[in-house]
Amino acid sequence: MNTNVGPYNYTIGTGAIIFSEDGGSILLLEEYKAPGRWGIAGGKLEPMPSLDNVTKEVLEETGYRVRIDGLVHVYQRYDRDPQTISFIYRATVLNRQAKPDASEVISTRWFKLAEVPWERLRFEDNRIMIQDAIEATNPLPSATIKSLPASTAGRDCGGNHSSYSQKIR
């Protein structure tokens, strides 16, 4: 989803680092866009973002159903136009066999954590995201994304910022 915020143009995406049931391997995919390179499952968010977006992307691309274990990080890239904001989750696979989307993905492969092909990742960003997911033994719990009504945009909360902060914790 491309969004304009003031003078800025953003692309908002989502992705998942998918772990095996025992946590000892991750699933990577090889796409037609970059044969011989490996990456994570994900894509651009639909107009109404939700956790369903990431599970849908994973299922579409890999054929695997996953459980979202938590948010690893929200990443932002300023050096692109449009700038990119990515919500990256840690997930665990739920089914043992799957068939990838043959129109996008050449193959999927499970890599033991000690055997991740760091030098053959499609993007440097993926290396950072995978390392963060491996180190995130306690990712932030999954949460729903709440849409705020447009009528509240830019409205001052009367200077009582501490009570507002308590509401959103």
Protein backbone atom coordinates (compact mmCIF):
# COMPACT_ATOMS: atom_id res chain seq x y z
CA MET A 1 0.00 0.00 0.00
CA ASN A 2 1.45 3.38 -0.99
CA THR A 3 0.48 6.25 1.26
CA ASN A 4 1.23 9.94 1.21
CA VAL A 5 1.79 11.56 4.62
CA GLY A 6 2.42 15.25 4.12
CA PRO A 7 5.29 15.56 1.67
CA TYR A 8 6.37 11.93 2.28
CA ASN A 9 5.50 8.89 0.22
CA TYR A 10 5.47 5.54 2.08
CA THR A 11 5.09 1.91 1.14
CA ILE A 12 3.84 -0.19 4.05
CA GLY A 13 4.68 -3.88 4.07
CA THR A 14 4.61 -6.92 6.27
CA GLY A 15 6.64 -10.10 6.50
CA ALA A 16 7.37 -13.10 8.67
CA ILE A 17 10.42 -15.00 9.76
CA ILE A 18 8.94 -18.51 9.86
CA PHE A 19 10.40 -20.97 12.36
CA SER A 20 9.98 -24.73 12.43
CA GLU A 21 7.99 -26.24 15.31
CA ASP A 22 11.20 -26.95 17.25
CA GLY A 23 12.60 -23.46 16.52
CA GLY A 24 15.79 -24.87 15.00
CA SER A 25 15.15 -23.92 11.36
CA ILE A 26 13.69 -21.05 9.33
CA LEU A 27 11.84 -21.12 6.04
CA LEU A 28 13.22 -19.04 3.17
CA LEU A 29 11.92 -18.67 -0.36
CA GLU A 30 13.50 -18.28 -3.76
CA GLU A 31 11.43 -16.05 -6.03
CA TYR A 32 11.39 -15.74 -9.81
CA LYS A 33 12.36 -12.07 -9.33
CA ALA A 34 15.75 -13.18 -7.93
CA PRO A 35 16.73 -16.75 -8.82
CA GLY A 36 19.49 -18.16 -6.60
CA ARG A 37 18.73 -15.64 -3.82
CA TRP A 38 16.72 -16.36 -0.67
CA GLY A 39 14.28 -14.14 1.20
CA ILE A 40 11.45 -14.02 3.69
CA ALA A 41 7.73 -14.26 2.97
CA GLY A 42 5.88 -10.98 2.86
CA GLY A 43 4.50 -8.19 0.79
CA LYS A 44 2.66 -4.90 0.74
CA LEU A 45 -0.21 -4.39 3.14
CA GLU A 46 -3.78 -4.34 1.95
CA PRO A 47 -5.72 -1.08 2.48
CA MET A 48 -7.02 -2.24 5.90
CA PRO A 49 -3.93 -3.68 7.65
CA SER A 50 -4.31 -6.53 10.13
CA LEU A 51 -2.40 -9.57 11.31
CA ASP A 52 -4.37 -11.48 8.70
CA ASN A 53 -2.24 -9.73 6.04
CA VAL A 54 0.95 -11.47 7.10
CA THR A 55 -0.65 -14.91 7.50
CA LYS A 56 -2.35 -14.44 4.11
CA GLU A 57 0.95 -13.47 2.43
CA VAL A 58 2.73 -16.47 3.96
CA LEU A 59 -0.03 -18.86 2.89
CA GLU A 60 -0.19 -17.41 -0.64
CA GLU A 61 3.57 -17.50 -1.19
CA THR A 62 4.56 -20.69 0.62
CA GLY A 63 1.42 -22.76 1.18
CA TYR A 64 2.20 -22.90 4.92
CA ARG A 65 -0.22 -21.90 7.64
CA VAL A 66 1.51 -20.11 10.50
CA ARG A 67 0.87 -18.92 14.03
CA ILE A 68 2.09 -15.37 14.64
CA ASP A 69 4.23 -15.46 17.80
CA GLY A 70 4.82 -11.73 17.99
CA LEU A 71 6.19 -8.61 16.38
CA VAL A 72 9.97 -8.61 15.94
CA HIS A 73 10.27 -4.94 14.92
CA VAL A 74 8.83 -2.22 12.74
CA TYR A 75 11.54 -1.28 10.25
CA GLN A 76 11.76 1.95 8.28
CA ARG A 77 13.91 2.74 5.23
CA TYR A 78 14.47 6.46 4.58
CA ASP A 79 16.81 6.01 1.61
CA ARG A 80 14.11 4.95 -0.86
CA ASP A 81 11.30 6.69 -2.63
CA PRO A 82 8.81 5.70 -1.57
CA GLN A 83 10.12 5.25 1.95
CA THR A 84 9.36 1.80 3.36
CA ILE A 85 7.81 0.84 6.68
CA SER A 86 7.74 -2.93 7.33
CA PHE A 87 6.04 -4.83 10.16
CA ILE A 88 8.06 -8.03 10.60
CA TYR A 89 6.71 -10.87 12.72
CA ARG A 90 8.11 -14.05 14.19
CA ALA A 91 5.91 -17.02 13.24
CA THR A 92 5.78 -20.78 13.73
CA VAL A 93 4.68 -23.18 11.00
CA LEU A 94 1.50 -25.17 11.68
CA ASN A 95 1.40 -27.66 8.78
CA ARG A 96 4.19 -30.00 7.74
CA GLN A 97 3.87 -29.98 3.95
CA ALA A 98 3.01 -27.19 1.58
CA LYS A 99 3.22 -26.17 -2.04
CA PRO A 100 4.57 -22.69 -2.87
CA ASP A 101 2.81 -20.33 -5.27
CA ALA A 102 4.33 -21.37 -8.60
CA SER A 103 3.61 -17.95 -10.14
CA GLU A 104 5.90 -16.13 -7.65
CA VAL A 105 8.09 -18.67 -5.89
CA ILE A 106 10.58 -21.11 -7.43
CA SER A 107 11.04 -23.03 -4.19
CA THR A 108 10.96 -22.90 -0.41
CA ARG A 109 13.56 -24.47 1.83
CA TRP A 110 14.09 -25.00 5.53
CA PHE A 111 17.53 -23.89 6.75
CA LYS A 112 18.98 -24.83 10.13
CA LEU A 113 19.87 -21.63 12.00
CA ALA A 114 23.59 -22.42 11.68
CA GLU A 115 23.22 -22.91 7.90
CA VAL A 116 21.31 -19.77 6.82
CA PRO A 117 22.83 -18.69 3.46
CA TRP A 118 23.71 -15.16 4.62
CA GLU A 119 25.73 -14.43 1.47
CA ARG A 120 22.84 -15.47 -0.80
CA LEU A 121 20.01 -13.47 0.79
CA ARG A 122 18.06 -11.33 -1.63
CA PHE A 123 18.25 -8.18 0.49
CA GLU A 124 20.60 -6.98 3.23
CA ASP A 125 17.42 -5.99 5.10
CA ASN A 126 16.48 -9.68 5.29
CA ARG A 127 19.76 -10.47 7.08
CA ILE A 128 19.01 -7.88 9.75
CA MET A 129 15.39 -9.01 10.13
CA ILE A 130 16.33 -12.71 10.38
CA GLN A 131 19.06 -12.01 12.95
CA ASP A 132 16.63 -9.90 14.98
CA ALA A 133 14.00 -12.68 14.85
CA ILE A 134 16.54 -15.30 15.97
CA GLU A 135 17.60 -13.08 18.88
CA ALA A 136 13.99 -12.17 19.78
CA THR A 137 13.33 -14.90 22.30
CA ASN A 138 10.41 -12.81 23.59
CA PRO A 139 8.92 -10.91 20.63
CA LEU A 140 6.21 -8.39 21.41
CA PRO A 141 2.90 -10.23 21.73
CA SER A 142 0.69 -10.08 18.70
CA ALA A 143 -1.87 -7.32 18.77
CA THR A 144 -4.63 -6.09 16.58
CA ILE A 145 -4.16 -2.94 14.55
CA LYS A 146 -6.73 -0.39 15.60
CA SER A 147 -7.96 2.15 13.08
CA LEU A 148 -8.59 5.59 14.57
CA PRO A 149 -11.49 7.63 13.22
CA ALA A 150 -10.47 10.43 10.87
CA SER A 151 -12.34 12.91 13.11
CA THR A 152 -9.60 12.55 15.78
CA ALA A 153 -6.71 13.37 13.45
CA GLY A 154 -4.72 16.35 14.67
CA ARG A 155 -7.00 16.99 17.62
CA ASP A 156 -5.22 18.28 20.75
CA CYS A 157 -5.79 16.17 23.85
CA GLY A 158 -5.92 19.28 26.06
CA GLY A 159 -2.32 19.12 27.27
CA ASN A 160 -3.02 16.12 29.47
CA HIS A 161 -0.56 13.84 27.70
CA SER A 162 0.00 11.52 30.68
CA SER A 163 -3.63 10.33 30.72
CA TYR A 164 -3.48 9.76 26.96
CA SER A 165 -0.32 7.66 27.36
CA GLN A 166 -1.99 5.52 30.03
CA LYS A 167 -4.87 4.79 27.66
CA ILE A 168 -2.63 3.42 24.94
CA ARG A 169 -0.42 1.19 27.09
